[in-house]
Amino acid sequence: MLASFVANADLATGRLVPVMEGYQPISSTVSIIYPRAPIVPRKVRAFIDFMTTEFIQIT
């Protein structure tokens, strides 16, 4: 089981093939923990935004 952003290129070239497409994994939580600061560094904010778009699915 891989995140789509990790596997997309290999799926597109056929290097990887999907298996168990009907399988629905148990949902899990992803947490991002960083030190409290009055200003969140841009790199941290960019990472949070990236992870949010990749892992949060709106149903």
PDB file of N, CA and C in Angstrom:
ATOM      1  N   MET A   1       0.859  -1.162   0.000  1.00  0.00           N
ATOM      2  CA  MET A   1       0.000   0.000   0.000  1.00  0.00           C
ATOM      3  C   MET A   1       0.909   1.231   0.000  1.00  0.00           C
ATOM      4  N   LEU A   2       0.737   2.077  -0.991  1.00  0.00           N
ATOM      5  CA  LEU A   2       1.536   3.289  -1.128  1.00  0.00           C
ATOM      6  C   LEU A   2       0.630   4.478  -1.399  1.00  0.00           C
ATOM      7  N   ALA A   3       1.083   5.640  -0.986  1.00  0.00           N
ATOM      8  CA  ALA A   3       0.377   6.866  -1.334  1.00  0.00           C
ATOM      9  C   ALA A   3       0.497   7.069  -2.849  1.00  0.00           C
ATOM     10  N   SER A   4      -0.544   7.625  -3.446  1.00  0.00           N
ATOM     11  CA  SER A   4      -0.545   7.792  -4.898  1.00  0.00           C
ATOM     12  C   SER A   4       0.634   8.628  -5.396  1.00  0.00           C
ATOM     13  N   PHE A   5       1.024   9.655  -4.651  1.00  0.00           N
ATOM     14  CA  PHE A   5       2.131  10.490  -5.129  1.00  0.00           C
ATOM     15  C   PHE A   5       3.454   9.735  -5.141  1.00  0.00           C
ATOM     16  N   VAL A   6       3.544   8.641  -4.412  1.00  0.00           N
ATOM     17  CA  VAL A   6       4.753   7.819  -4.411  1.00  0.00           C
ATOM     18  C   VAL A   6       4.722   6.836  -5.582  1.00  0.00           C
ATOM     19  N   ALA A   7       3.562   6.300  -5.900  1.00  0.00           N
ATOM     20  CA  ALA A   7       3.466   5.216  -6.872  1.00  0.00           C
ATOM     21  C   ALA A   7       3.034   5.630  -8.275  1.00  0.00           C
ATOM     22  N   ASN A   8       2.526   6.823  -8.464  1.00  0.00           N
ATOM     23  CA  ASN A   8       1.945   7.215  -9.763  1.00  0.00           C
ATOM     24  C   ASN A   8       2.869   7.003 -10.953  1.00  0.00           C
ATOM     25  N   ALA A   9       4.109   7.423 -10.851  1.00  0.00           N
ATOM     26  CA  ALA A   9       5.027   7.299 -11.993  1.00  0.00           C
ATOM     27  C   ALA A   9       5.240   5.831 -12.353  1.00  0.00           C
ATOM     28  N   ASP A  10       5.449   4.978 -11.359  1.00  0.00           N
ATOM     29  CA  ASP A  10       5.669   3.555 -11.627  1.00  0.00           C
ATOM     30  C   ASP A  10       4.399   2.862 -12.104  1.00  0.00           C
ATOM     31  N   LEU A  11       3.252   3.299 -11.640  1.00  0.00           N
ATOM     32  CA  LEU A  11       1.992   2.755 -12.155  1.00  0.00           C
ATOM     33  C   LEU A  11       1.812   3.142 -13.617  1.00  0.00           C
ATOM     34  N   ALA A  12       2.150   4.381 -13.957  1.00  0.00           N
ATOM     35  CA  ALA A  12       1.982   4.872 -15.329  1.00  0.00           C
ATOM     36  C   ALA A  12       2.876   4.114 -16.315  1.00  0.00           C
ATOM     37  N   THR A  13       4.073   3.729 -15.868  1.00  0.00           N
ATOM     38  CA  THR A  13       4.996   3.018 -16.764  1.00  0.00           C
ATOM     39  C   THR A  13       4.762   1.514 -16.770  1.00  0.00           C
ATOM     40  N   GLY A  14       3.935   1.029 -15.858  1.00  0.00           N
ATOM     41  CA  GLY A  14       3.680  -0.403 -15.775  1.00  0.00           C
ATOM     42  C   GLY A  14       4.662  -1.140 -14.880  1.00  0.00           C
ATOM     43  N   ARG A  15       5.589  -0.409 -14.283  1.00  0.00           N
ATOM     44  CA  ARG A  15       6.556  -1.037 -13.379  1.00  0.00           C
ATOM     45  C   ARG A  15       5.855  -1.607 -12.149  1.00  0.00           C
ATOM     46  N   LEU A  16       4.795  -0.941 -11.712  1.00  0.00           N
ATOM     47  CA  LEU A  16       3.932  -1.440 -10.655  1.00  0.00           C
ATOM     48  C   LEU A  16       2.548  -1.672 -11.235  1.00  0.00           C
ATOM     49  N   VAL A  17       1.847  -2.647 -10.711  1.00  0.00           N
ATOM     50  CA  VAL A  17       0.472  -2.898 -11.127  1.00  0.00           C
ATOM     51  C   VAL A  17      -0.404  -2.940  -9.881  1.00  0.00           C
ATOM     52  N   PRO A  18      -1.616  -2.418  -9.976  1.00  0.00           N
ATOM     53  CA  PRO A  18      -2.502  -2.463  -8.815  1.00  0.00           C
ATOM     54  C   PRO A  18      -2.977  -3.892  -8.544  1.00  0.00           C
ATOM     55  N   VAL A  19      -3.040  -4.243  -7.289  1.00  0.00           N
ATOM     56  CA  VAL A  19      -3.610  -5.516  -6.858  1.00  0.00           C
ATOM     57  C   VAL A  19      -4.622  -5.219  -5.765  1.00  0.00           C
ATOM     58  N   MET A  20      -5.558  -6.108  -5.575  1.00  0.00           N
ATOM     59  CA  MET A  20      -6.573  -5.952  -4.541  1.00  0.00           C
ATOM     60  C   MET A  20      -7.281  -4.597  -4.641  1.00  0.00           C
ATOM     61  N   GLU A  21      -7.658  -4.218  -5.865  1.00  0.00           N
ATOM     62  CA  GLU A  21      -8.272  -2.905  -6.074  1.00  0.00           C
ATOM     63  C   GLU A  21      -9.570  -2.715  -5.298  1.00  0.00           C
ATOM     64  N   GLY A  22     -10.271  -3.781  -4.990  1.00  0.00           N
ATOM     65  CA  GLY A  22     -11.508  -3.667  -4.240  1.00  0.00           C
ATOM     66  C   GLY A  22     -11.301  -3.573  -2.734  1.00  0.00           C
ATOM     67  N   TYR A  23     -10.078  -3.750  -2.283  1.00  0.00           N
ATOM     68  CA  TYR A  23      -9.775  -3.732  -0.852  1.00  0.00           C
ATOM     69  C   TYR A  23      -9.855  -2.313  -0.306  1.00  0.00           C
ATOM     70  N   GLN A  24     -10.523  -2.144   0.803  1.00  0.00           N
ATOM     71  CA  GLN A  24     -10.615  -0.845   1.467  1.00  0.00           C
ATOM     72  C   GLN A  24      -9.855  -0.931   2.781  1.00  0.00           C
ATOM     73  N   PRO A  25      -8.672  -0.312   2.871  1.00  0.00           N
ATOM     74  CA  PRO A  25      -7.893  -0.402   4.112  1.00  0.00           C
ATOM     75  C   PRO A  25      -8.581   0.321   5.265  1.00  0.00           C
ATOM     76  N   ILE A  26      -8.237  -0.078   6.454  1.00  0.00           N
ATOM     77  CA  ILE A  26      -8.741   0.585   7.650  1.00  0.00           C
ATOM     78  C   ILE A  26      -8.167   1.997   7.674  1.00  0.00           C
ATOM     79  N   SER A  27      -9.004   2.970   7.961  1.00  0.00           N
ATOM     80  CA  SER A  27      -8.508   4.349   7.977  1.00  0.00           C
ATOM     81  C   SER A  27      -7.541   4.538   9.146  1.00  0.00           C
ATOM     82  N   SER A  28      -6.617   5.426   8.947  1.00  0.00           N
ATOM     83  CA  SER A  28      -5.644   5.735   9.993  1.00  0.00           C
ATOM     84  C   SER A  28      -5.419   7.243  10.038  1.00  0.00           C
ATOM     85  N   THR A  29      -4.730   7.655  11.046  1.00  0.00           N
ATOM     86  CA  THR A  29      -4.479   9.077  11.254  1.00  0.00           C
ATOM     87  C   THR A  29      -3.029   9.415  10.928  1.00  0.00           C
ATOM     88  N   VAL A  30      -2.829  10.519  10.253  1.00  0.00           N
ATOM     89  CA  VAL A  30      -1.488  11.055  10.009  1.00  0.00           C
ATOM     90  C   VAL A  30      -1.392  12.344  10.802  1.00  0.00           C
ATOM     91  N   SER A  31      -0.360  12.461  11.611  1.00  0.00           N
ATOM     92  CA  SER A  31      -0.169  13.675  12.420  1.00  0.00           C
ATOM     93  C   SER A  31       1.122  14.364  12.026  1.00  0.00           C
ATOM     94  N   ILE A  32       1.087  15.663  12.053  1.00  0.00           N
ATOM     95  CA  ILE A  32       2.289  16.463  11.817  1.00  0.00           C
ATOM     96  C   ILE A  32       2.555  17.224  13.109  1.00  0.00           C
ATOM     97  N   ILE A  33       3.708  16.994  13.683  1.00  0.00           N
ATOM     98  CA  ILE A  33       4.052  17.618  14.959  1.00  0.00           C
ATOM     99  C   ILE A  33       5.280  18.506  14.746  1.00  0.00           C
ATOM    100  N   TYR A  34       5.172  19.736  15.192  1.00  0.00           N
ATOM    101  CA  TYR A  34       6.289  20.664  15.059  1.00  0.00           C
ATOM    102  C   TYR A  34       6.267  21.609  16.259  1.00  0.00           C
ATOM    103  N   PRO A  35       7.404  22.235  16.582  1.00  0.00           N
ATOM    104  CA  PRO A  35       7.450  23.103  17.753  1.00  0.00           C
ATOM    105  C   PRO A  35       6.520  24.307  17.610  1.00  0.00           C
ATOM    106  N   ARG A  36       5.918  24.690  18.717  1.00  0.00           N
ATOM    107  CA  ARG A  36       5.064  25.876  18.714  1.00  0.00           C
ATOM    108  C   ARG A  36       5.948  27.103  18.488  1.00  0.00           C
ATOM    109  N   ALA A  37       5.497  27.953  17.596  1.00  0.00           N
ATOM    110  CA  ALA A  37       6.235  29.181  17.295  1.00  0.00           C
ATOM    111  C   ALA A  37       5.221  30.239  16.879  1.00  0.00           C
ATOM    112  N   PRO A  38       5.517  31.508  17.143  1.00  0.00           N
ATOM    113  CA  PRO A  38       4.574  32.554  16.742  1.00  0.00           C
ATOM    114  C   PRO A  38       4.381  32.613  15.227  1.00  0.00           C
ATOM    115  N   ILE A  39       5.411  32.237  14.493  1.00  0.00           N
ATOM    116  CA  ILE A  39       5.331  32.234  13.032  1.00  0.00           C
ATOM    117  C   ILE A  39       5.768  30.850  12.543  1.00  0.00           C
ATOM    118  N   VAL A  40       4.929  30.206  11.733  1.00  0.00           N
ATOM    119  CA  VAL A  40       5.280  28.900  11.168  1.00  0.00           C
ATOM    120  C   VAL A  40       6.168  29.136   9.952  1.00  0.00           C
ATOM    121  N   PRO A  41       7.370  28.543   9.925  1.00  0.00           N
ATOM    122  CA  PRO A  41       8.251  28.730   8.766  1.00  0.00           C
ATOM    123  C   PRO A  41       7.581  28.300   7.463  1.00  0.00           C
ATOM    124  N   ARG A  42       7.920  28.966   6.367  1.00  0.00           N
ATOM    125  CA  ARG A  42       7.311  28.684   5.072  1.00  0.00           C
ATOM    126  C   ARG A  42       7.472  27.227   4.648  1.00  0.00           C
ATOM    127  N   LYS A  43       8.642  26.645   4.924  1.00  0.00           N
ATOM    128  CA  LYS A  43       8.872  25.251   4.548  1.00  0.00           C
ATOM    129  C   LYS A  43       7.929  24.321   5.307  1.00  0.00           C
ATOM    130  N   VAL A  44       7.700  24.614   6.567  1.00  0.00           N
ATOM    131  CA  VAL A  44       6.790  23.804   7.372  1.00  0.00           C
ATOM    132  C   VAL A  44       5.367  23.971   6.852  1.00  0.00           C
ATOM    133  N   ARG A  45       4.958  25.197   6.588  1.00  0.00           N
ATOM    134  CA  ARG A  45       3.612  25.453   6.060  1.00  0.00           C
ATOM    135  C   ARG A  45       3.420  24.752   4.716  1.00  0.00           C
ATOM    136  N   ALA A  46       4.437  24.791   3.855  1.00  0.00           N
ATOM    137  CA  ALA A  46       4.348  24.126   2.551  1.00  0.00           C
ATOM    138  C   ALA A  46       4.201  22.616   2.722  1.00  0.00           C
ATOM    139  N   PHE A  47       4.937  22.049   3.677  1.00  0.00           N
ATOM    140  CA  PHE A  47       4.843  20.616   3.938  1.00  0.00           C
ATOM    141  C   PHE A  47       3.453  20.255   4.457  1.00  0.00           C
ATOM    142  N   ILE A  48       2.930  21.040   5.383  1.00  0.00           N
ATOM    143  CA  ILE A  48       1.584  20.791   5.914  1.00  0.00           C
ATOM    144  C   ILE A  48       0.556  20.860   4.785  1.00  0.00           C
ATOM    145  N   ASP A  49       0.664  21.870   3.936  1.00  0.00           N
ATOM    146  CA  ASP A  49      -0.277  22.013   2.818  1.00  0.00           C
ATOM    147  C   ASP A  49      -0.184  20.818   1.867  1.00  0.00           C
ATOM    148  N   PHE A  50       1.043  20.387   1.567  1.00  0.00           N
ATOM    149  CA  PHE A  50       1.247  19.234   0.688  1.00  0.00           C
ATOM    150  C   PHE A  50       0.622  17.978   1.290  1.00  0.00           C
ATOM    151  N   MET A  51       0.918  17.711   2.549  1.00  0.00           N
ATOM    152  CA  MET A  51       0.383  16.520   3.203  1.00  0.00           C
ATOM    153  C   MET A  51      -1.145  16.573   3.258  1.00  0.00           C
ATOM    154  N   THR A  52      -1.685  17.737   3.488  1.00  0.00           N
ATOM    155  CA  THR A  52      -3.146  17.894   3.549  1.00  0.00           C
ATOM    156  C   THR A  52      -3.772  17.530   2.204  1.00  0.00           C
ATOM    157  N   THR A  53      -3.200  18.014   1.118  1.00  0.00           N
ATOM    158  CA  THR A  53      -3.786  17.728  -0.194  1.00  0.00           C
ATOM    159  C   THR A  53      -3.597  16.254  -0.572  1.00  0.00           C
ATOM    160  N   GLU A  54      -2.535  15.612  -0.116  1.00  0.00           N
ATOM    161  CA  GLU A  54      -2.289  14.224  -0.478  1.00  0.00           C
ATOM    162  C   GLU A  54      -3.054  13.228   0.385  1.00  0.00           C
ATOM    163  N   PHE A  55      -3.291  13.539   1.644  1.00  0.00           N
ATOM    164  CA  PHE A  55      -3.842  12.547   2.552  1.00  0.00           C
ATOM    165  C   PHE A  55      -5.283  12.780   2.982  1.00  0.00           C
ATOM    166  N   ILE A  56      -5.793  13.956   2.846  1.00  0.00           N
ATOM    167  CA  ILE A  56      -7.172  14.186   3.249  1.00  0.00           C
ATOM    168  C   ILE A  56      -8.080  13.955   2.049  1.00  0.00           C
ATOM    169  N   GLN A  57      -9.027  13.055   2.237  1.00  0.00           N
ATOM    170  CA  GLN A  57      -9.994  12.766   1.179  1.00  0.00           C
ATOM    171  C   GLN A  57     -11.358  13.258   1.640  1.00  0.00           C
ATOM    172  N   ILE A  58     -11.981  14.044   0.827  1.00  0.00           N
ATOM    173  CA  ILE A  58     -13.316  14.540   1.144  1.00  0.00           C
ATOM    174  C   ILE A  58     -14.318  13.547   0.567  1.00  0.00           C
ATOM    175  N   THR A  59     -15.174  13.014   1.427  1.00  0.00           N
ATOM    176  CA  THR A  59     -16.158  12.032   0.960  1.00  0.00           C
ATOM    177  C   THR A  59     -17.541  12.619   0.981  1.00  0.00           C
TER     178      THR A  59
END
